[in-house]
Amino acid sequence: MDPKMKREIILQHYQNPKNKGLIEKDGYVYVDMNNESCIDEVHLMVKIEDGKIIDAHFDGEACAICTSSTSIMIDTLLGKTVTEAKRIVENFGNMIDEKEYDEDMLEQAIVYDDIGRQPNRKKCALLGWWGMEKVLEENDKAF
């Protein structure tokens, strides 16, 4: 993907993040994540019904990479089954860690394909995804 296009997508999701702002409703799994090496803190809430992610929101204080990555993650995973979401989350982690991954599965999240070359930014890109991984694990324990 063209570097200019990547920057535009990241900036768009940072300036106008999708599903930002927590809501007060029952039936959500809540996870709080923070990065000890910087200010990034993400509060994630996800609703899973019939094995599908039907809603998700986040809030917190985070850098452009963390905020945009979390927004893109939610945009990518809404409507996916838990099984699909787990594969996408795993693929994203593999991409960030510069391991083999399926880029078609990542949709817009592919904009972070070179972030692994910046070790100090990896946690920023991964924080929200790690939170989603915890939510998906909690979903497994519930059934």
N, C-alpha and C. Protein backbone atom coordinates (compact mmCIF):
# COMPACT_ATOMS: atom_id res chain seq x y z
N MET A 1 0.85 -1.18 0.00
CA MET A 1 0.00 0.00 0.00
C MET A 1 0.90 1.24 0.00
N ASP A 2 0.45 2.23 -0.70
CA ASP A 2 1.16 3.49 -0.80
C ASP A 2 1.33 4.13 0.59
N PRO A 3 2.55 4.56 0.94
CA PRO A 3 2.78 5.17 2.27
C PRO A 3 1.87 6.36 2.57
N LYS A 4 1.56 7.16 1.56
CA LYS A 4 0.68 8.31 1.77
C LYS A 4 -0.73 7.84 2.15
N MET A 5 -1.20 6.79 1.50
CA MET A 5 -2.53 6.23 1.80
C MET A 5 -2.54 5.66 3.23
N LYS A 6 -1.46 4.98 3.62
CA LYS A 6 -1.36 4.45 4.99
C LYS A 6 -1.49 5.57 6.01
N ARG A 7 -0.74 6.64 5.80
CA ARG A 7 -0.79 7.78 6.73
C ARG A 7 -2.19 8.37 6.80
N GLU A 8 -2.86 8.47 5.66
CA GLU A 8 -4.22 9.03 5.64
C GLU A 8 -5.19 8.16 6.43
N ILE A 9 -5.10 6.85 6.27
CA ILE A 9 -5.99 5.94 7.00
C ILE A 9 -5.71 6.02 8.50
N ILE A 10 -4.44 6.02 8.88
CA ILE A 10 -4.07 6.11 10.30
C ILE A 10 -4.56 7.43 10.88
N LEU A 11 -4.34 8.52 10.17
CA LEU A 11 -4.75 9.84 10.65
C LEU A 11 -6.27 9.93 10.77
N GLN A 12 -6.98 9.39 9.81
CA GLN A 12 -8.44 9.41 9.85
C GLN A 12 -8.96 8.68 11.09
N HIS A 13 -8.40 7.50 11.37
CA HIS A 13 -8.85 6.72 12.54
C HIS A 13 -8.37 7.34 13.86
N TYR A 14 -7.33 8.15 13.81
CA TYR A 14 -6.89 8.84 15.03
C TYR A 14 -7.78 10.06 15.30
N GLN A 15 -8.02 10.84 14.26
CA GLN A 15 -8.81 12.07 14.44
C GLN A 15 -10.30 11.80 14.61
N ASN A 16 -10.79 10.75 13.99
CA ASN A 16 -12.21 10.39 14.06
C ASN A 16 -12.35 8.89 14.33
N PRO A 17 -11.90 8.45 15.50
CA PRO A 17 -11.94 7.01 15.78
C PRO A 17 -13.37 6.48 15.79
N LYS A 18 -13.53 5.29 15.25
CA LYS A 18 -14.84 4.66 15.24
C LYS A 18 -15.10 3.97 16.58
N ASN A 19 -16.32 4.09 17.05
CA ASN A 19 -16.77 3.45 18.28
C ASN A 19 -16.00 3.90 19.51
N LYS A 20 -15.54 5.14 19.51
CA LYS A 20 -14.85 5.67 20.69
C LYS A 20 -15.88 6.22 21.66
N GLY A 21 -15.71 5.86 22.89
CA GLY A 21 -16.62 6.28 23.95
C GLY A 21 -17.34 5.08 24.51
N LEU A 22 -17.19 4.87 25.80
CA LEU A 22 -17.84 3.74 26.44
C LEU A 22 -19.32 4.03 26.65
N ILE A 23 -20.12 2.98 26.70
CA ILE A 23 -21.54 3.12 26.93
C ILE A 23 -21.92 2.29 28.15
N GLU A 24 -23.01 2.62 28.76
CA GLU A 24 -23.45 1.88 29.95
C GLU A 24 -24.57 0.94 29.57
N LYS A 25 -24.20 -0.28 29.26
CA LYS A 25 -25.16 -1.31 28.91
C LYS A 25 -24.67 -2.64 29.44
N ASP A 26 -25.59 -3.53 29.71
CA ASP A 26 -25.25 -4.86 30.18
C ASP A 26 -24.87 -5.76 29.01
N GLY A 27 -24.20 -6.85 29.34
CA GLY A 27 -23.88 -7.85 28.34
C GLY A 27 -22.56 -7.67 27.65
N TYR A 28 -21.74 -6.74 28.11
CA TYR A 28 -20.44 -6.48 27.51
C TYR A 28 -19.33 -7.05 28.39
N VAL A 29 -18.26 -7.45 27.77
CA VAL A 29 -17.04 -7.82 28.49
C VAL A 29 -16.15 -6.58 28.46
N TYR A 30 -15.67 -6.17 29.63
CA TYR A 30 -14.81 -5.00 29.75
C TYR A 30 -13.37 -5.43 30.04
N VAL A 31 -12.44 -4.75 29.38
CA VAL A 31 -11.02 -5.02 29.61
C VAL A 31 -10.29 -3.68 29.63
N ASP A 32 -9.41 -3.51 30.61
CA ASP A 32 -8.56 -2.32 30.67
C ASP A 32 -7.13 -2.74 30.36
N MET A 33 -6.51 -2.02 29.45
CA MET A 33 -5.13 -2.31 29.03
C MET A 33 -4.29 -1.05 29.17
N ASN A 34 -3.05 -1.23 29.60
CA ASN A 34 -2.15 -0.08 29.61
C ASN A 34 -0.75 -0.53 29.22
N ASN A 35 -0.01 0.42 28.70
CA ASN A 35 1.36 0.19 28.26
C ASN A 35 2.26 0.86 29.29
N GLU A 36 3.02 0.06 30.02
CA GLU A 36 3.86 0.59 31.10
C GLU A 36 4.95 1.52 30.58
N SER A 37 5.30 1.43 29.30
CA SER A 37 6.42 2.22 28.78
C SER A 37 5.97 3.56 28.19
N CYS A 38 4.65 3.86 28.21
CA CYS A 38 4.18 5.16 27.72
C CYS A 38 2.81 5.45 28.33
N ILE A 39 2.12 6.45 27.80
CA ILE A 39 0.83 6.85 28.37
C ILE A 39 -0.35 6.03 27.88
N ASP A 40 -0.15 5.18 26.90
CA ASP A 40 -1.27 4.47 26.28
C ASP A 40 -2.08 3.67 27.29
N GLU A 41 -3.38 3.95 27.30
CA GLU A 41 -4.32 3.23 28.15
C GLU A 41 -5.62 3.08 27.35
N VAL A 42 -6.08 1.85 27.22
CA VAL A 42 -7.27 1.56 26.43
C VAL A 42 -8.27 0.80 27.29
N HIS A 43 -9.49 1.29 27.31
CA HIS A 43 -10.61 0.62 27.97
C HIS A 43 -11.49 0.10 26.84
N LEU A 44 -11.66 -1.20 26.82
CA LEU A 44 -12.37 -1.86 25.72
C LEU A 44 -13.60 -2.57 26.25
N MET A 45 -14.70 -2.45 25.53
CA MET A 45 -15.92 -3.18 25.87
C MET A 45 -16.45 -3.84 24.60
N VAL A 46 -16.78 -5.12 24.72
CA VAL A 46 -17.18 -5.90 23.55
C VAL A 46 -18.40 -6.73 23.91
N LYS A 47 -19.34 -6.77 22.98
CA LYS A 47 -20.53 -7.61 23.17
C LYS A 47 -20.51 -8.71 22.12
N ILE A 48 -20.59 -9.94 22.61
CA ILE A 48 -20.60 -11.12 21.75
C ILE A 48 -21.91 -11.84 21.96
N GLU A 49 -22.61 -12.10 20.87
CA GLU A 49 -23.87 -12.86 20.93
C GLU A 49 -23.84 -13.92 19.84
N ASP A 50 -24.29 -15.10 20.18
CA ASP A 50 -24.34 -16.21 19.23
C ASP A 50 -23.03 -16.41 18.49
N GLY A 51 -21.92 -16.24 19.22
CA GLY A 51 -20.60 -16.49 18.63
C GLY A 51 -20.10 -15.40 17.70
N LYS A 52 -20.75 -14.22 17.70
CA LYS A 52 -20.34 -13.11 16.84
C LYS A 52 -20.10 -11.84 17.65
N ILE A 53 -19.15 -11.05 17.20
CA ILE A 53 -18.91 -9.74 17.82
C ILE A 53 -19.94 -8.79 17.22
N ILE A 54 -20.89 -8.37 18.05
CA ILE A 54 -21.97 -7.53 17.52
C ILE A 54 -21.79 -6.05 17.86
N ASP A 55 -20.95 -5.76 18.85
CA ASP A 55 -20.71 -4.36 19.20
C ASP A 55 -19.40 -4.26 19.98
N ALA A 56 -18.74 -3.13 19.86
CA ALA A 56 -17.51 -2.88 20.61
C ALA A 56 -17.29 -1.38 20.68
N HIS A 57 -16.72 -0.95 21.80
CA HIS A 57 -16.39 0.46 22.01
C HIS A 57 -15.08 0.53 22.78
N PHE A 58 -14.40 1.66 22.68
CA PHE A 58 -13.19 1.85 23.46
C PHE A 58 -13.08 3.30 23.88
N ASP A 59 -12.23 3.51 24.87
CA ASP A 59 -11.93 4.85 25.33
C ASP A 59 -10.55 4.79 25.97
N GLY A 60 -10.08 5.92 26.43
CA GLY A 60 -8.78 5.98 27.08
C GLY A 60 -7.92 7.07 26.48
N GLU A 61 -6.73 7.14 26.98
CA GLU A 61 -5.75 8.12 26.50
C GLU A 61 -4.63 7.36 25.82
N ALA A 62 -4.39 7.68 24.55
CA ALA A 62 -3.40 6.93 23.80
C ALA A 62 -2.85 7.75 22.64
N CYS A 63 -1.71 7.34 22.16
CA CYS A 63 -1.07 8.00 21.03
C CYS A 63 -1.83 7.72 19.73
N ALA A 64 -1.39 8.34 18.66
CA ALA A 64 -2.05 8.19 17.36
C ALA A 64 -2.04 6.74 16.88
N ILE A 65 -0.93 6.06 17.06
CA ILE A 65 -0.83 4.67 16.61
C ILE A 65 -1.79 3.79 17.40
N CYS A 66 -1.79 3.90 18.70
CA CYS A 66 -2.65 3.07 19.55
C CYS A 66 -4.13 3.36 19.29
N THR A 67 -4.49 4.62 19.24
CA THR A 67 -5.89 5.00 19.02
C THR A 67 -6.37 4.52 17.66
N SER A 68 -5.59 4.80 16.62
CA SER A 68 -6.02 4.41 15.27
C SER A 68 -6.03 2.90 15.11
N SER A 69 -5.08 2.21 15.70
CA SER A 69 -5.04 0.76 15.61
C SER A 69 -6.26 0.13 16.28
N THR A 70 -6.65 0.66 17.43
CA THR A 70 -7.82 0.14 18.14
C THR A 70 -9.09 0.42 17.35
N SER A 71 -9.20 1.61 16.77
CA SER A 71 -10.35 1.96 15.94
C SER A 71 -10.44 1.04 14.73
N ILE A 72 -9.33 0.82 14.06
CA ILE A 72 -9.29 -0.07 12.90
C ILE A 72 -9.63 -1.50 13.31
N MET A 73 -9.13 -1.92 14.47
CA MET A 73 -9.42 -3.27 14.96
C MET A 73 -10.92 -3.47 15.12
N ILE A 74 -11.58 -2.54 15.79
CA ILE A 74 -13.01 -2.66 16.01
C ILE A 74 -13.74 -2.67 14.66
N ASP A 75 -13.37 -1.77 13.77
CA ASP A 75 -13.98 -1.70 12.45
C ASP A 75 -13.82 -3.03 11.71
N THR A 76 -12.67 -3.65 11.86
CA THR A 76 -12.37 -4.91 11.17
C THR A 76 -13.13 -6.09 11.79
N LEU A 77 -13.27 -6.10 13.10
CA LEU A 77 -13.81 -7.28 13.79
C LEU A 77 -15.32 -7.28 13.99
N LEU A 78 -15.97 -6.13 13.88
CA LEU A 78 -17.43 -6.11 14.06
C LEU A 78 -18.10 -7.01 13.03
N GLY A 79 -18.99 -7.87 13.51
CA GLY A 79 -19.72 -8.78 12.64
C GLY A 79 -19.01 -10.10 12.38
N LYS A 80 -17.78 -10.21 12.85
CA LYS A 80 -17.02 -11.45 12.66
C LYS A 80 -17.37 -12.44 13.76
N THR A 81 -17.23 -13.72 13.45
CA THR A 81 -17.40 -14.74 14.47
C THR A 81 -16.19 -14.70 15.40
N VAL A 82 -16.33 -15.29 16.55
CA VAL A 82 -15.21 -15.35 17.50
C VAL A 82 -14.03 -16.09 16.85
N THR A 83 -14.32 -17.15 16.13
CA THR A 83 -13.25 -17.91 15.46
C THR A 83 -12.54 -17.05 14.43
N GLU A 84 -13.29 -16.31 13.62
CA GLU A 84 -12.68 -15.42 12.62
C GLU A 84 -11.86 -14.34 13.31
N ALA A 85 -12.43 -13.76 14.37
CA ALA A 85 -11.74 -12.69 15.09
C ALA A 85 -10.41 -13.18 15.67
N LYS A 86 -10.41 -14.38 16.22
CA LYS A 86 -9.17 -14.93 16.78
C LYS A 86 -8.10 -15.07 15.69
N ARG A 87 -8.51 -15.53 14.52
CA ARG A 87 -7.54 -15.68 13.42
C ARG A 87 -7.02 -14.32 12.97
N ILE A 88 -7.89 -13.33 12.91
CA ILE A 88 -7.47 -11.99 12.50
C ILE A 88 -6.52 -11.39 13.54
N VAL A 89 -6.86 -11.52 14.82
CA VAL A 89 -6.00 -11.00 15.89
C VAL A 89 -4.63 -11.68 15.84
N GLU A 90 -4.62 -12.99 15.65
CA GLU A 90 -3.35 -13.72 15.55
C GLU A 90 -2.54 -13.26 14.34
N ASN A 91 -3.21 -13.06 13.21
CA ASN A 91 -2.54 -12.59 12.00
C ASN A 91 -1.95 -11.20 12.21
N PHE A 92 -2.69 -10.32 12.88
CA PHE A 92 -2.19 -8.97 13.15
C PHE A 92 -0.92 -9.04 14.00
N GLY A 93 -0.96 -9.85 15.05
CA GLY A 93 0.23 -10.02 15.90
C GLY A 93 1.41 -10.57 15.12
N ASN A 94 1.15 -11.53 14.25
CA ASN A 94 2.23 -12.07 13.42
C ASN A 94 2.82 -11.00 12.51
N MET A 95 1.95 -10.17 11.94
CA MET A 95 2.44 -9.09 11.07
C MET A 95 3.34 -8.14 11.85
N ILE A 96 2.88 -7.73 13.02
CA ILE A 96 3.65 -6.78 13.84
C ILE A 96 4.98 -7.40 14.26
N ASP A 97 4.98 -8.70 14.54
CA ASP A 97 6.20 -9.40 14.95
C ASP A 97 7.04 -9.87 13.76
N GLU A 98 6.64 -9.44 12.56
CA GLU A 98 7.36 -9.75 11.32
C GLU A 98 7.47 -11.25 11.07
N LYS A 99 6.37 -11.94 11.37
CA LYS A 99 6.24 -13.37 11.08
C LYS A 99 5.31 -13.52 9.88
N GLU A 100 5.12 -14.74 9.43
CA GLU A 100 4.25 -15.00 8.30
C GLU A 100 2.80 -14.68 8.68
N TYR A 101 2.08 -14.03 7.76
CA TYR A 101 0.68 -13.67 8.01
C TYR A 101 -0.07 -13.58 6.68
N ASP A 102 -1.39 -13.58 6.77
CA ASP A 102 -2.27 -13.46 5.61
C ASP A 102 -2.76 -12.02 5.52
N GLU A 103 -2.20 -11.25 4.61
CA GLU A 103 -2.54 -9.83 4.55
C GLU A 103 -3.98 -9.58 4.12
N ASP A 104 -4.57 -10.47 3.33
CA ASP A 104 -5.96 -10.30 2.91
C ASP A 104 -6.92 -10.32 4.08
N MET A 105 -6.59 -11.06 5.10
CA MET A 105 -7.44 -11.21 6.27
C MET A 105 -7.49 -9.92 7.10
N LEU A 106 -6.48 -9.07 6.98
CA LEU A 106 -6.34 -7.92 7.88
C LEU A 106 -7.10 -6.67 7.46
N GLU A 107 -7.60 -6.64 6.24
CA GLU A 107 -8.33 -5.47 5.75
C GLU A 107 -7.51 -4.20 5.97
N GLN A 108 -8.09 -3.15 6.56
CA GLN A 108 -7.37 -1.89 6.76
C GLN A 108 -6.20 -1.99 7.73
N ALA A 109 -6.21 -2.98 8.59
CA ALA A 109 -5.13 -3.13 9.58
C ALA A 109 -3.78 -3.36 8.91
N ILE A 110 -3.78 -3.62 7.62
CA ILE A 110 -2.53 -3.82 6.87
C ILE A 110 -1.69 -2.53 6.87
N VAL A 111 -2.29 -1.40 7.22
CA VAL A 111 -1.53 -0.14 7.24
C VAL A 111 -0.36 -0.19 8.23
N TYR A 112 -0.39 -1.14 9.16
CA TYR A 112 0.69 -1.26 10.15
C TYR A 112 1.73 -2.31 9.77
N ASP A 113 1.78 -2.67 8.50
CA ASP A 113 2.68 -3.76 8.07
C ASP A 113 4.16 -3.48 8.27
N ASP A 114 4.52 -2.23 8.45
CA ASP A 114 5.94 -1.93 8.67
C ASP A 114 6.25 -1.44 10.08
N ILE A 115 5.27 -1.46 10.96
CA ILE A 115 5.47 -0.97 12.33
C ILE A 115 6.42 -1.85 13.12
N GLY A 116 6.55 -3.10 12.72
CA GLY A 116 7.46 -4.02 13.39
C GLY A 116 8.91 -3.58 13.31
N ARG A 117 9.22 -2.74 12.34
CA ARG A 117 10.58 -2.21 12.20
C ARG A 117 10.86 -1.07 13.18
N GLN A 118 9.83 -0.70 13.93
CA GLN A 118 9.96 0.35 14.95
C GLN A 118 9.60 -0.28 16.30
N PRO A 119 10.54 -0.96 16.93
CA PRO A 119 10.23 -1.71 18.16
C PRO A 119 9.51 -0.89 19.23
N ASN A 120 9.82 0.39 19.33
CA ASN A 120 9.18 1.21 20.37
C ASN A 120 7.71 1.51 20.05
N ARG A 121 7.23 1.21 18.84
CA ARG A 121 5.85 1.47 18.46
C ARG A 121 4.99 0.20 18.41
N LYS A 122 5.64 -0.96 18.53
CA LYS A 122 4.90 -2.23 18.42
C LYS A 122 3.81 -2.34 19.47
N LYS A 123 4.14 -2.02 20.73
CA LYS A 123 3.14 -2.11 21.80
C LYS A 123 1.99 -1.15 21.55
N CYS A 124 2.29 0.00 20.97
CA CYS A 124 1.24 0.97 20.67
C CYS A 124 0.21 0.36 19.72
N ALA A 125 0.70 -0.29 18.68
CA ALA A 125 -0.19 -0.89 17.69
C ALA A 125 -0.92 -2.10 18.24
N LEU A 126 -0.33 -2.80 19.19
CA LEU A 126 -0.88 -4.06 19.69
C LEU A 126 -1.80 -3.94 20.89
N LEU A 127 -1.74 -2.84 21.62
CA LEU A 127 -2.44 -2.76 22.91
C LEU A 127 -3.94 -3.09 22.81
N GLY A 128 -4.65 -2.45 21.92
CA GLY A 128 -6.07 -2.74 21.76
C GLY A 128 -6.33 -4.17 21.32
N TRP A 129 -5.46 -4.68 20.46
CA TRP A 129 -5.59 -6.06 19.97
C TRP A 129 -5.37 -7.06 21.10
N TRP A 130 -4.43 -6.77 22.00
CA TRP A 130 -4.23 -7.63 23.17
C TRP A 130 -5.48 -7.63 24.05
N GLY A 131 -6.12 -6.46 24.16
CA GLY A 131 -7.37 -6.38 24.90
C GLY A 131 -8.44 -7.24 24.27
N MET A 132 -8.55 -7.20 22.96
CA MET A 132 -9.54 -8.03 22.27
C MET A 132 -9.22 -9.51 22.46
N GLU A 133 -7.96 -9.85 22.46
CA GLU A 133 -7.56 -11.23 22.69
C GLU A 133 -8.06 -11.70 24.07
N LYS A 134 -7.94 -10.83 25.08
CA LYS A 134 -8.44 -11.17 26.42
C LYS A 134 -9.96 -11.35 26.41
N VAL A 135 -10.65 -10.47 25.70
CA VAL A 135 -12.11 -10.57 25.60
C VAL A 135 -12.50 -11.91 24.97
N LEU A 136 -11.81 -12.29 23.91
CA LEU A 136 -12.12 -13.53 23.22
C LEU A 136 -11.83 -14.74 24.11
N GLU A 137 -10.78 -14.65 24.92
CA GLU A 137 -10.49 -15.72 25.89
C GLU A 137 -11.60 -15.81 26.93
N GLU A 138 -12.09 -14.66 27.40
CA GLU A 138 -13.19 -14.63 28.37
C GLU A 138 -14.44 -15.27 27.77
N ASN A 139 -14.68 -15.01 26.48
CA ASN A 139 -15.82 -15.60 25.80
C ASN A 139 -15.71 -17.13 25.80
N ASP A 140 -14.51 -17.65 25.59
CA ASP A 140 -14.32 -19.10 25.61
C ASP A 140 -14.63 -19.68 26.98
N LYS A 141 -14.25 -18.96 28.03
CA LYS A 141 -14.50 -19.44 29.41
C LYS A 141 -15.98 -19.44 29.75
N ALA A 142 -16.73 -18.55 29.10
CA ALA A 142 -18.17 -18.44 29.38
C ALA A 142 -18.95 -19.62 28.82
N PHE A 143 -18.37 -20.35 27.87
CA PHE A 143 -19.11 -21.45 27.23
C PHE A 143 -18.46 -22.78 27.45
